């Protein structure tokens, strides 16, 4: 029997050296309204922080989820994406990016 998703109703970004940032995140196994609401909360928090991405671990939730919007900040466009259980496959090369 699976346990339903339990996500916090209110989320706050945690900062290093918070222990949640060092934990390995768990896979999401239940796709329900709680997950949908949590993902919307992640997007809202990201936008309020003027960010372009936010991971569940950054709000002390140990699940493999992150949200992005590479057009965030452009007042006329938006492209929100929700990533659940992402995997890197067939990686090669290198990318350097200053955050």
N, C-alpha and C. Protein backbone atom coordinates (compact mmCIF):
# COMPACT_ATOMS: atom_id res chain seq x y z
N UNK A 1 0.84 -1.18 0.00
CA UNK A 1 0.00 0.00 0.00
C UNK A 1 0.88 1.24 0.00
N UNK A 2 0.56 2.21 -0.85
CA UNK A 2 1.36 3.42 -0.93
C UNK A 2 0.82 4.47 0.01
N UNK A 3 1.70 5.35 0.42
CA UNK A 3 1.32 6.46 1.29
C UNK A 3 1.04 7.67 0.44
N UNK A 4 -0.04 8.41 0.72
CA UNK A 4 -0.32 9.59 -0.08
C UNK A 4 0.76 10.65 0.11
N UNK A 5 0.91 11.49 -0.92
CA UNK A 5 1.87 12.59 -0.82
C UNK A 5 1.47 13.51 0.32
N UNK A 6 2.45 13.91 1.08
CA UNK A 6 2.21 14.92 2.10
C UNK A 6 3.23 16.03 1.88
N UNK A 7 2.75 17.16 1.45
CA UNK A 7 3.59 18.31 1.18
C UNK A 7 3.15 19.45 2.08
N UNK A 8 4.08 20.31 2.47
CA UNK A 8 3.70 21.44 3.32
C UNK A 8 2.78 22.41 2.59
N UNK A 9 1.87 23.02 3.32
CA UNK A 9 0.97 24.01 2.73
C UNK A 9 1.70 25.32 2.48
N UNK A 10 2.63 25.64 3.35
CA UNK A 10 3.43 26.86 3.21
C UNK A 10 4.87 26.45 3.00
N UNK A 11 5.54 27.08 2.04
CA UNK A 11 6.93 26.74 1.78
C UNK A 11 7.80 27.98 1.89
N UNK A 12 9.03 27.76 2.34
CA UNK A 12 10.03 28.81 2.46
C UNK A 12 11.35 28.27 1.96
N UNK A 13 12.09 29.08 1.24
CA UNK A 13 13.39 28.68 0.74
C UNK A 13 14.36 28.56 1.91
N UNK A 14 15.11 27.45 1.94
CA UNK A 14 16.14 27.24 2.96
C UNK A 14 17.49 27.55 2.34
N UNK A 15 18.44 27.89 3.17
CA UNK A 15 19.77 28.28 2.69
C UNK A 15 20.84 27.37 3.27
N UNK A 16 21.92 27.26 2.54
CA UNK A 16 23.07 26.50 2.99
C UNK A 16 23.52 27.04 4.34
N UNK A 17 23.77 26.17 5.29
CA UNK A 17 24.03 24.74 5.25
C UNK A 17 22.85 23.88 5.72
N UNK A 18 21.64 24.25 5.40
CA UNK A 18 20.47 23.47 5.83
C UNK A 18 20.64 22.01 5.42
N UNK A 19 20.39 21.05 6.32
CA UNK A 19 20.60 19.62 6.01
C UNK A 19 19.78 19.10 4.84
N UNK A 20 18.63 19.70 4.56
CA UNK A 20 17.80 19.24 3.44
C UNK A 20 18.53 19.38 2.11
N UNK A 21 19.48 20.28 2.04
CA UNK A 21 20.21 20.51 0.79
C UNK A 21 21.26 19.45 0.52
N UNK A 22 21.53 18.60 1.49
CA UNK A 22 22.52 17.52 1.35
C UNK A 22 21.90 16.15 1.19
N UNK A 23 20.60 16.03 1.42
CA UNK A 23 19.92 14.73 1.35
C UNK A 23 19.65 14.33 -0.10
N UNK A 24 19.71 13.04 -0.35
CA UNK A 24 19.32 12.53 -1.66
C UNK A 24 17.79 12.52 -1.71
N UNK A 25 17.24 13.09 -2.76
CA UNK A 25 15.79 13.18 -2.88
C UNK A 25 15.18 11.86 -3.33
N UNK A 26 13.94 11.64 -2.91
CA UNK A 26 13.21 10.41 -3.23
C UNK A 26 12.34 10.62 -4.46
N UNK A 27 12.06 9.55 -5.16
CA UNK A 27 11.18 9.60 -6.33
C UNK A 27 9.74 9.88 -5.90
N UNK A 28 9.03 10.56 -6.75
CA UNK A 28 7.60 10.77 -6.55
C UNK A 28 6.88 9.53 -7.07
N UNK A 29 5.97 9.00 -6.29
CA UNK A 29 5.25 7.79 -6.70
C UNK A 29 3.75 7.99 -6.79
N UNK A 30 3.25 9.04 -6.16
CA UNK A 30 1.81 9.34 -6.19
C UNK A 30 1.59 10.63 -6.95
N UNK A 31 0.78 10.58 -7.97
CA UNK A 31 0.46 11.76 -8.77
C UNK A 31 -0.98 12.15 -8.46
N UNK A 32 -1.13 13.10 -7.54
CA UNK A 32 -2.45 13.44 -7.04
C UNK A 32 -2.59 14.96 -6.88
N UNK A 33 -3.68 15.38 -6.31
CA UNK A 33 -3.95 16.81 -6.13
C UNK A 33 -2.93 17.46 -5.20
N UNK A 34 -2.47 16.72 -4.19
CA UNK A 34 -1.45 17.26 -3.28
C UNK A 34 -0.18 17.61 -4.04
N UNK A 35 0.23 16.75 -4.95
CA UNK A 35 1.41 17.01 -5.76
C UNK A 35 1.18 18.23 -6.66
N UNK A 36 0.03 18.28 -7.28
CA UNK A 36 -0.29 19.41 -8.15
C UNK A 36 -0.25 20.73 -7.37
N UNK A 37 -0.85 20.75 -6.19
CA UNK A 37 -0.86 21.95 -5.36
C UNK A 37 0.56 22.34 -4.94
N UNK A 38 1.36 21.35 -4.56
CA UNK A 38 2.74 21.63 -4.16
C UNK A 38 3.53 22.23 -5.32
N UNK A 39 3.37 21.68 -6.51
CA UNK A 39 4.09 22.21 -7.68
C UNK A 39 3.67 23.64 -7.97
N UNK A 40 2.40 23.96 -7.80
CA UNK A 40 1.95 25.34 -7.98
C UNK A 40 2.57 26.24 -6.92
N UNK A 41 2.66 25.75 -5.68
CA UNK A 41 3.32 26.52 -4.62
C UNK A 41 4.79 26.77 -4.95
N UNK A 42 5.47 25.76 -5.52
CA UNK A 42 6.87 25.94 -5.92
C UNK A 42 6.98 27.04 -6.97
N UNK A 43 6.11 27.00 -7.98
CA UNK A 43 6.13 28.04 -9.00
C UNK A 43 5.88 29.42 -8.39
N UNK A 44 4.89 29.52 -7.53
CA UNK A 44 4.57 30.80 -6.89
C UNK A 44 5.76 31.33 -6.10
N UNK A 45 6.41 30.45 -5.34
CA UNK A 45 7.57 30.84 -4.55
C UNK A 45 8.71 31.29 -5.46
N UNK A 46 8.92 30.57 -6.55
CA UNK A 46 9.97 30.92 -7.51
C UNK A 46 9.72 32.31 -8.08
N UNK A 47 8.48 32.58 -8.50
CA UNK A 47 8.15 33.88 -9.07
C UNK A 47 8.30 35.00 -8.04
N UNK A 48 7.89 34.75 -6.80
CA UNK A 48 8.00 35.76 -5.74
C UNK A 48 9.46 36.09 -5.44
N UNK A 49 10.35 35.14 -5.70
CA UNK A 49 11.78 35.34 -5.47
C UNK A 49 12.50 35.82 -6.71
N UNK A 50 11.74 36.09 -7.77
CA UNK A 50 12.32 36.53 -9.05
C UNK A 50 13.31 35.51 -9.60
N UNK A 51 13.01 34.22 -9.41
CA UNK A 51 13.89 33.17 -9.89
C UNK A 51 13.42 32.60 -11.22
N UNK A 52 14.25 31.72 -11.78
CA UNK A 52 13.88 31.01 -13.00
C UNK A 52 13.81 29.50 -12.77
N UNK A 53 14.11 29.07 -11.53
CA UNK A 53 14.02 27.67 -11.20
C UNK A 53 14.03 27.49 -9.69
N UNK A 54 13.41 26.39 -9.24
CA UNK A 54 13.38 26.09 -7.81
C UNK A 54 13.15 24.60 -7.64
N UNK A 55 13.96 23.98 -6.79
CA UNK A 55 13.84 22.55 -6.51
C UNK A 55 13.15 22.31 -5.18
N UNK A 56 12.49 21.18 -5.08
CA UNK A 56 11.81 20.82 -3.83
C UNK A 56 12.80 20.82 -2.66
N UNK A 57 14.02 20.36 -2.89
CA UNK A 57 15.02 20.35 -1.82
C UNK A 57 15.29 21.74 -1.28
N UNK A 58 15.14 22.76 -2.12
CA UNK A 58 15.39 24.14 -1.69
C UNK A 58 14.30 24.67 -0.76
N UNK A 59 13.21 23.93 -0.62
CA UNK A 59 12.17 24.28 0.35
C UNK A 59 12.01 23.15 1.36
N UNK A 60 13.10 22.37 1.52
CA UNK A 60 13.21 21.30 2.52
C UNK A 60 12.20 20.17 2.30
N UNK A 61 11.90 19.86 1.05
CA UNK A 61 11.05 18.73 0.71
C UNK A 61 11.92 17.73 -0.06
N UNK A 62 12.02 16.52 0.45
CA UNK A 62 12.92 15.50 -0.07
C UNK A 62 12.29 14.69 -1.20
N UNK A 63 11.90 15.38 -2.27
CA UNK A 63 11.30 14.72 -3.44
C UNK A 63 11.99 15.20 -4.71
N UNK A 64 12.02 14.34 -5.74
CA UNK A 64 12.68 14.67 -7.00
C UNK A 64 11.75 15.50 -7.88
N UNK A 65 11.66 16.79 -7.55
CA UNK A 65 10.78 17.73 -8.25
C UNK A 65 11.53 19.04 -8.39
N UNK A 66 11.45 19.68 -9.56
CA UNK A 66 11.85 21.06 -9.66
C UNK A 66 10.99 21.75 -10.71
N UNK A 67 10.92 23.06 -10.61
CA UNK A 67 10.14 23.86 -11.55
C UNK A 67 11.06 24.88 -12.20
N UNK A 68 10.74 25.26 -13.43
CA UNK A 68 11.52 26.26 -14.15
C UNK A 68 10.59 27.14 -14.97
N UNK A 69 11.10 28.31 -15.28
CA UNK A 69 10.45 29.19 -16.25
C UNK A 69 11.53 30.08 -16.81
N UNK A 70 12.09 29.68 -17.96
CA UNK A 70 13.21 30.43 -18.53
C UNK A 70 12.80 31.81 -19.04
N UNK A 71 11.50 32.08 -19.11
CA UNK A 71 11.03 33.40 -19.50
C UNK A 71 10.58 34.23 -18.30
N UNK A 72 10.79 33.73 -17.09
CA UNK A 72 10.38 34.47 -15.89
C UNK A 72 11.03 35.85 -15.90
N UNK A 73 10.24 36.84 -15.54
CA UNK A 73 10.74 38.21 -15.55
C UNK A 73 10.33 38.97 -16.79
N UNK A 74 10.00 38.26 -17.87
CA UNK A 74 9.49 38.91 -19.06
C UNK A 74 8.00 39.13 -18.85
N UNK A 75 7.59 40.36 -18.71
CA UNK A 75 6.21 40.64 -18.33
C UNK A 75 5.18 40.19 -19.36
N UNK A 76 5.59 39.89 -20.58
CA UNK A 76 4.64 39.50 -21.62
C UNK A 76 4.62 38.01 -21.91
N UNK A 77 5.57 37.27 -21.34
CA UNK A 77 5.65 35.84 -21.66
C UNK A 77 5.94 35.03 -20.41
N UNK A 78 5.58 33.77 -20.48
CA UNK A 78 5.86 32.83 -19.41
C UNK A 78 5.91 31.43 -20.01
N UNK A 79 6.78 30.60 -19.49
CA UNK A 79 6.89 29.22 -19.97
C UNK A 79 7.19 28.30 -18.79
N UNK A 80 6.25 28.19 -17.83
CA UNK A 80 6.53 27.34 -16.66
C UNK A 80 6.61 25.87 -17.04
N UNK A 81 7.54 25.18 -16.40
CA UNK A 81 7.71 23.75 -16.59
C UNK A 81 7.80 23.10 -15.22
N UNK A 82 7.24 21.93 -15.09
CA UNK A 82 7.31 21.15 -13.85
C UNK A 82 8.02 19.85 -14.19
N UNK A 83 9.08 19.56 -13.48
CA UNK A 83 9.91 18.38 -13.72
C UNK A 83 9.76 17.44 -12.53
N UNK A 84 9.32 16.22 -12.79
CA UNK A 84 9.12 15.23 -11.73
C UNK A 84 9.92 13.97 -12.08
N UNK A 85 10.73 13.52 -11.14
CA UNK A 85 11.59 12.35 -11.32
C UNK A 85 12.48 12.48 -12.56
N UNK A 86 13.17 13.61 -12.74
CA UNK A 86 14.02 13.76 -13.92
C UNK A 86 15.24 12.85 -13.85
N UNK A 87 15.76 12.49 -15.02
CA UNK A 87 16.97 11.68 -15.12
C UNK A 87 17.85 12.26 -16.21
N UNK A 88 19.15 12.22 -16.00
CA UNK A 88 20.11 12.59 -17.02
C UNK A 88 20.52 11.32 -17.74
N UNK A 89 20.43 11.34 -19.06
CA UNK A 89 20.81 10.17 -19.84
C UNK A 89 21.74 10.60 -20.97
N UNK A 90 22.69 9.75 -21.28
CA UNK A 90 23.61 9.97 -22.40
C UNK A 90 24.23 11.36 -22.34
N UNK A 91 24.81 11.69 -21.20
CA UNK A 91 25.42 13.00 -21.05
C UNK A 91 26.84 13.00 -21.57
N UNK A 92 27.22 14.09 -22.15
CA UNK A 92 28.61 14.29 -22.56
C UNK A 92 28.84 15.78 -22.70
N UNK A 93 30.10 16.17 -22.72
CA UNK A 93 30.42 17.57 -22.86
C UNK A 93 30.38 18.29 -21.52
N UNK A 94 30.45 19.61 -21.63
CA UNK A 94 30.50 20.42 -20.43
C UNK A 94 29.82 21.75 -20.70
N UNK A 95 29.13 22.24 -19.70
CA UNK A 95 28.50 23.56 -19.79
C UNK A 95 28.93 24.36 -18.59
N UNK A 96 29.33 25.60 -18.82
CA UNK A 96 29.71 26.48 -17.75
C UNK A 96 28.70 27.61 -17.72
N UNK A 97 28.15 27.85 -16.54
CA UNK A 97 27.12 28.88 -16.40
C UNK A 97 27.26 29.52 -15.04
N UNK A 98 27.27 30.83 -14.99
CA UNK A 98 27.36 31.52 -13.72
C UNK A 98 25.97 31.78 -13.18
N UNK A 99 25.71 31.35 -11.95
CA UNK A 99 24.40 31.50 -11.34
C UNK A 99 24.36 32.76 -10.51
